[in-house]
Protein backbone atom coordinates (compact mmCIF):
# COMPACT_ATOMS: atom_id res chain seq x y z
CA MET A 1 -34.40 -81.24 -6.46
CA ALA A 2 -30.64 -80.64 -6.38
CA ALA A 3 -31.06 -77.20 -7.92
CA ASP A 4 -33.62 -76.26 -5.27
CA LEU A 5 -31.28 -77.40 -2.48
CA LEU A 6 -28.36 -75.43 -3.96
CA ALA A 7 -30.46 -72.27 -4.14
CA ARG A 8 -31.42 -72.62 -0.47
CA VAL A 9 -27.77 -73.04 0.58
CA LEU A 10 -26.66 -69.95 -1.37
CA ALA A 11 -29.50 -67.91 0.07
CA ALA A 12 -28.50 -68.90 3.60
CA GLN A 13 -24.87 -67.94 3.04
CA ALA A 14 -25.65 -64.54 1.44
CA PRO A 15 -25.65 -61.50 3.84
CA ARG A 16 -29.06 -60.37 4.89
CA ARG A 17 -30.34 -57.10 3.50
CA GLY A 18 -29.77 -54.14 5.81
CA ARG A 19 -26.96 -55.81 7.78
CA ARG A 20 -23.25 -55.39 7.17
CA HIS A 21 -21.36 -58.54 6.31
CA ILE A 22 -18.52 -59.10 8.80
CA PRO A 23 -15.79 -61.50 7.66
CA HIS A 24 -14.24 -64.08 9.90
CA PRO A 25 -11.35 -63.12 12.18
CA SER A 26 -7.92 -63.53 10.62
CA ARG A 27 -4.34 -63.29 11.72
CA TRP A 28 -4.51 -59.54 11.11
CA GLY A 29 -6.99 -59.07 13.92
CA ARG A 30 -10.75 -58.91 14.18
CA TYR A 31 -12.38 -56.73 11.55
CA SER A 32 -14.08 -53.57 12.78
CA PRO A 33 -16.52 -51.85 10.40
CA ASN A 34 -15.62 -48.43 11.91
CA ARG A 35 -11.86 -48.89 11.93
CA ASN A 36 -11.12 -47.66 8.40
CA ARG A 37 -13.72 -44.96 8.77
CA GLY A 38 -11.97 -43.64 11.90
CA VAL A 39 -8.56 -43.66 10.20
CA ARG A 40 -9.92 -41.75 7.23
CA GLY A 41 -11.59 -39.27 9.57
CA ASP A 42 -8.37 -38.72 11.52
CA ARG A 43 -6.47 -38.08 8.32
CA ARG A 44 -9.06 -35.59 7.15
CA ASN A 45 -8.94 -33.83 10.52
CA ARG A 46 -5.15 -33.60 10.40
CA ARG A 47 -5.24 -32.22 6.87
CA ARG A 48 -7.90 -29.73 7.89
CA CYS A 49 -5.85 -28.62 10.91
CA ARG A 50 -2.75 -28.15 8.77
CA LEU A 51 -4.75 -26.19 6.22
CA MET A 52 -6.25 -23.94 8.89
CA SER A 53 -2.81 -23.34 10.42
CA ARG A 54 -1.44 -22.29 7.05
CA LEU A 55 -4.43 -20.05 6.40
CA ARG A 56 -3.97 -18.38 9.78
CA LEU A 57 -0.28 -17.82 9.02
CA VAL A 58 -1.06 -16.32 5.61
CA LEU A 59 -3.75 -14.11 7.15
CA ALA A 60 -1.34 -12.92 9.86
CA LEU A 61 1.32 -12.13 7.25
CA CYS A 62 -1.19 -10.21 5.13
CA VAL A 63 -2.40 -8.20 8.11
CA GLY A 64 1.20 -7.49 9.14
CA ALA A 65 2.11 -6.36 5.61
CA LEU A 66 -0.99 -4.15 5.53
CA VAL A 67 -0.09 -2.54 8.85
CA VAL A 68 3.56 -2.00 7.91
CA GLY A 69 2.70 -0.73 4.42
CA GLY A 70 0.22 1.74 5.85
CA CYS A 71 2.72 3.33 8.22
CA LEU A 72 3.73 6.68 6.78
CA PRO A 73 6.95 8.41 7.82
CA ALA A 74 6.51 11.32 10.21
CA PRO A 75 5.53 14.38 8.11
CA ALA A 76 8.21 17.07 8.11
CA THR A 77 6.37 19.83 6.23
CA GLU A 78 3.01 21.56 6.41
CA GLN A 79 2.09 20.08 3.02
CA ALA A 80 3.08 16.59 4.19
CA ARG A 81 0.73 16.84 7.17
CA GLN A 82 -2.18 17.68 4.90
CA ILE A 83 -1.34 14.73 2.64
CA ALA A 84 -1.03 12.40 5.66
CA ASP A 85 -4.44 13.54 6.95
CA LEU A 86 -5.97 12.75 3.55
CA TYR A 87 -4.35 9.28 3.57
CA ARG A 88 -5.79 8.61 7.03
CA ILE A 89 -9.28 9.57 5.90
CA PHE A 90 -9.00 7.24 2.90
CA GLY A 91 -7.65 4.45 5.12
CA ALA A 92 -10.46 4.82 7.67
CA GLY A 93 -13.07 4.86 4.90
CA SER A 94 -11.57 1.73 3.35
CA ILE A 95 -11.68 -0.09 6.68
CA VAL A 96 -15.34 0.85 7.21
CA VAL A 97 -16.36 -0.25 3.70
CA ALA A 98 -14.37 -3.49 3.94
CA GLY A 99 -15.91 -4.25 7.35
CA ILE A 100 -19.44 -3.77 6.02
CA VAL A 101 -18.85 -5.91 2.92
CA TRP A 102 -16.99 -8.72 4.71
CA GLY A 103 -19.42 -8.66 7.62
CA ALA A 104 -22.45 -8.94 5.34
CA ALA A 105 -20.81 -11.75 3.36
CA THR A 106 -19.93 -13.66 6.55
CA VAL A 107 -23.45 -13.32 7.96
CA ALA A 108 -24.94 -14.53 4.68
CA LEU A 109 -22.64 -17.56 4.57
CA VAL A 110 -23.24 -18.56 8.19
CA ARG A 111 -27.01 -18.11 8.09
CA SER A 112 -27.49 -19.88 4.76
CA ARG A 113 -25.18 -22.88 5.03
CA ARG A 114 -27.80 -25.22 6.62
CA ARG A 115 -30.91 -23.98 4.85
CA ASP A 116 -32.90 -26.04 2.37
CA ASP A 117 -33.01 -25.36 -1.35
CA SER A 118 -36.03 -23.08 -1.20
CA LEU A 119 -35.58 -19.58 -2.56
CA PRO A 120 -35.07 -16.83 0.05
CA ARG A 121 -37.24 -13.76 0.20
CA GLN A 122 -36.60 -11.68 -2.91
CA VAL A 123 -35.81 -7.95 -2.65
CA ALA A 124 -35.65 -7.09 -6.35
CA GLY A 125 -37.65 -3.98 -7.02
CA ASN A 126 -37.39 -2.67 -3.45
CA LEU A 127 -36.94 1.03 -4.13
CA LEU A 128 -35.69 1.80 -0.62
CA LEU A 129 -32.87 -0.75 -0.73
CA GLU A 130 -31.89 0.09 -4.30
CA GLY A 131 -31.82 3.77 -3.44
CA LEU A 132 -29.64 3.14 -0.38
CA TRP A 133 -27.01 1.00 -2.07
CA THR A 134 -26.83 3.50 -4.92
CA ALA A 135 -26.71 6.66 -2.80
CA ILE A 136 -24.20 5.47 -0.18
CA PRO A 137 -21.34 4.65 -2.64
CA LEU A 138 -22.09 7.79 -4.66
CA VAL A 139 -21.94 10.05 -1.59
CA THR A 140 -18.76 8.30 -0.38
CA VAL A 141 -16.97 8.82 -3.69
CA LEU A 142 -18.08 12.46 -3.93
CA VAL A 143 -16.89 13.22 -0.38
CA LEU A 144 -13.48 11.64 -0.98
CA PHE A 145 -13.18 13.42 -4.33
CA GLY A 146 -13.96 16.77 -2.71
CA LEU A 147 -11.43 16.20 0.08
CA THR A 148 -8.78 15.27 -2.50
CA LEU A 149 -9.39 18.42 -4.53
CA ALA A 150 -9.22 20.59 -1.40
CA THR A 151 -5.93 18.98 -0.31
CA LEU A 152 -4.36 19.32 -3.76
CA SER A 153 -5.40 22.96 -3.94
CA SER A 154 -3.85 23.66 -0.54
CA VAL A 155 -0.63 21.75 -1.28
CA ASP A 156 -0.13 23.52 -4.63
CA ALA A 157 -0.99 26.99 -3.30
CA ARG A 158 1.73 29.61 -3.67
CA GLN A 159 2.70 31.11 -0.30
CA PRO A 160 3.95 34.69 0.11
CA GLY A 161 7.52 35.50 1.13
CA GLY A 162 10.09 32.81 1.66
CA VAL A 163 13.20 31.70 -0.24
CA ALA A 164 13.53 31.04 -3.97
CA LEU A 165 15.34 27.81 -4.87
CA ASN A 166 16.18 26.62 -8.38
CA VAL A 167 16.67 22.85 -8.64
CA THR A 168 18.24 21.26 -11.73
CA ALA A 169 18.21 17.48 -12.00
CA PHE A 170 20.64 16.00 -14.52
CA ARG A 171 22.27 12.66 -15.22
CA TRP A 172 23.41 11.90 -12.61
CA GLY A 173 23.31 14.63 -10.00
CA TRP A 174 21.66 17.77 -8.68
CA THR A 175 22.29 21.50 -8.66
CA PHE A 176 20.58 23.71 -6.08
CA SER A 177 20.94 27.46 -6.58
CA TYR A 178 19.64 30.43 -4.61
CA PRO A 179 19.06 33.25 -7.13
CA ASP A 180 18.61 35.83 -4.37
CA GLY A 181 21.62 34.68 -2.38
CA GLY A 182 24.24 34.06 -5.06
CA VAL A 183 24.90 30.53 -3.83
CA ALA A 184 24.81 27.23 -5.74
CA VAL A 185 25.41 23.70 -4.50
CA SER A 186 25.98 20.80 -6.88
CA GLY A 187 26.78 17.12 -6.68
CA VAL A 188 27.20 14.27 -9.13
CA ALA A 189 26.77 10.52 -8.73
CA GLY A 190 28.54 9.44 -5.58
CA GLY A 191 28.61 12.96 -4.09
CA SER A 192 25.34 13.80 -2.39
CA PRO A 193 24.74 17.58 -2.23
CA GLU A 194 23.09 19.20 0.77
CA VAL A 195 20.59 22.01 0.33
CA VAL A 196 20.03 24.28 3.35
CA VAL A 197 16.64 25.93 4.02
CA PRO A 198 15.28 28.03 6.90
CA VAL A 199 12.75 26.46 9.26
CA GLY A 200 9.19 27.77 9.13
CA GLU A 201 9.52 29.70 5.86
CA PRO A 202 8.07 28.73 2.47
CA ILE A 203 10.60 27.52 -0.10
CA HIS A 204 9.63 28.33 -3.70
CA VAL A 205 11.13 25.61 -5.89
CA THR A 206 11.57 25.82 -9.66
CA LEU A 207 12.45 22.34 -10.91
CA SER A 208 13.92 21.57 -14.35
CA SER A 209 15.97 19.00 -16.26
CA PRO A 210 18.28 19.40 -19.29
CA ASP A 211 18.31 15.75 -20.39
CA VAL A 212 15.70 13.15 -19.31
CA ASN A 213 12.88 12.84 -16.82
CA HIS A 214 13.87 12.90 -13.15
CA ALA A 215 11.86 13.31 -9.95
CA PHE A 216 12.42 15.31 -6.77
CA PHE A 217 11.44 13.10 -3.84
CA VAL A 218 11.95 13.44 -0.08
CA PRO A 219 10.15 10.62 1.79
CA ARG A 220 9.27 12.70 4.85
CA PHE A 221 7.77 15.39 2.62
CA LEU A 222 5.26 12.78 1.32
CA PHE A 223 5.66 14.48 -2.02
CA LYS A 224 7.17 13.74 -5.42
CA ARG A 225 7.37 16.07 -8.40
CA ASP A 226 8.77 15.23 -11.85
CA ALA A 227 11.51 17.20 -13.59
CA ILE A 228 10.63 17.22 -17.30
CA PRO A 229 13.04 18.44 -20.02
CA GLY A 230 11.94 21.72 -21.56
CA ARG A 231 9.43 22.46 -18.81
CA ALA A 232 9.80 24.33 -15.51
CA THR A 233 7.84 22.82 -12.62
CA THR A 234 7.09 24.95 -9.57
CA PHE A 235 5.99 23.97 -6.07
CA ASP A 236 6.38 25.11 -2.47
CA PHE A 237 7.24 23.39 0.78
CA ARG A 238 7.72 24.60 4.34
CA VAL A 239 9.79 22.58 6.80
CA ASP A 240 8.56 23.02 10.37
CA GLN A 241 11.20 20.97 12.19
CA ALA A 242 14.96 21.44 12.13
CA GLY A 243 16.88 18.43 10.92
CA SER A 244 18.29 16.64 7.89
CA TYR A 245 15.96 14.91 5.43
CA PRO A 246 17.40 12.57 2.77
CA GLY A 247 16.01 12.66 -0.75
CA ALA A 248 16.62 11.03 -4.11
CA CYS A 249 15.57 10.88 -7.72
CA ALA A 250 12.41 8.76 -7.93
CA GLU A 251 12.24 8.43 -11.72
CA TYR A 252 14.53 5.88 -13.37
CA CYS A 253 16.94 7.89 -15.51
CA GLY A 254 19.83 5.60 -16.43
CA VAL A 255 22.80 3.64 -15.16
CA PHE A 256 23.61 5.74 -12.08
CA HIS A 257 20.03 6.56 -11.14
CA ALA A 258 20.49 4.99 -7.69
CA ASN A 259 23.34 7.42 -6.93
CA MET A 260 21.21 10.54 -7.50
CA THR A 261 20.77 11.37 -3.83
CA PHE A 262 20.68 14.62 -1.89
CA SER A 263 19.60 15.91 1.51
CA VAL A 264 17.62 18.88 2.77
CA ARG A 265 18.91 20.44 6.00
CA ALA A 266 16.51 22.75 7.82
CA VAL A 267 18.09 25.29 10.17
CA SER A 268 17.10 28.48 11.93
CA ARG A 269 16.99 31.74 9.99
CA ALA A 270 20.18 32.99 11.66
CA GLU A 271 22.06 29.81 10.70
CA PHE A 272 20.71 30.03 7.17
CA ASP A 273 21.89 33.63 6.76
CA ALA A 274 25.31 32.69 8.10
CA TRP A 275 25.51 29.76 5.68
CA LEU A 276 24.56 32.01 2.75
CA ALA A 277 27.21 34.56 3.73
CA ALA A 278 29.88 31.88 4.03
CA ASN A 279 29.08 30.32 0.64
CA ARG A 280 28.13 33.40 -1.38
CA GLY A 281 29.81 33.47 -4.76
CA SER A 282 30.03 29.70 -5.13
CA ALA A 283 28.86 28.76 -8.60
CA PRO A 284 29.50 25.20 -9.78
CA PRO A 285 29.65 24.57 -13.53
CA SER A 286 26.28 24.13 -15.15
CA PRO A 287 25.46 20.49 -15.86
CA SER A 288 25.60 19.18 -19.39
CA PRO A 289 23.49 16.27 -20.62
CA SER A 290 25.23 12.94 -20.16
CA PRO A 291 25.13 10.28 -22.86
């Protein structure tokens, strides 16, 4: 009898199934079943907002770095313009391909996020689709490869006429000599030599090094060519705008590598002839390999 009464009392005090048990009010205030849930939701929202703000900042920095990194200096030579045009074609193609891939991925994510677990329509074995996504990348690569070969052939082509210029890179300086003009200009680390060329005429460069690898690099020429010991490297450039263009060695060659600077000054033909006449007979000592 007592056991039956105790069971009835416990059953009456237990919370009914399907209803939330609400404790009695206390000195901390009346209990609300949604209060903790709202606090947790607010915290999640704040964390999500902070995360999205950081993601937007990172995305903006990445886009800014991409834009700044893709800005080439203004081309100063005919060869540089051809190289810049090739870079622009590659950049435009990359943007188109990235837009297609990212766009397709975004559409797939948005359209599929609320679907059930059933399998979507399968396209395996669809010859048309498989042919398209095989042919499009293949044609794209072949077109870019052909444009690259054409640009390289044009940049490396030997042009008639012009001025011969022998360039010797050594640790840690440069010697520029004009075999047809009897003039040589040299500079060592800390003394940047200036080579003078006529505007609008091809310059035939023969580049060499007596010691270690160096590199002839002028940023506005968009061109770098290595100077390798025991090997003569030839190339041409034609400056179309008068002005001074700084250059440097772009191949690490030792302690004073950073001081291996020079400049190319492009002037009119009359100024160039006057400069040759004023400096004819100058012949600096030939460089010797430095330890």
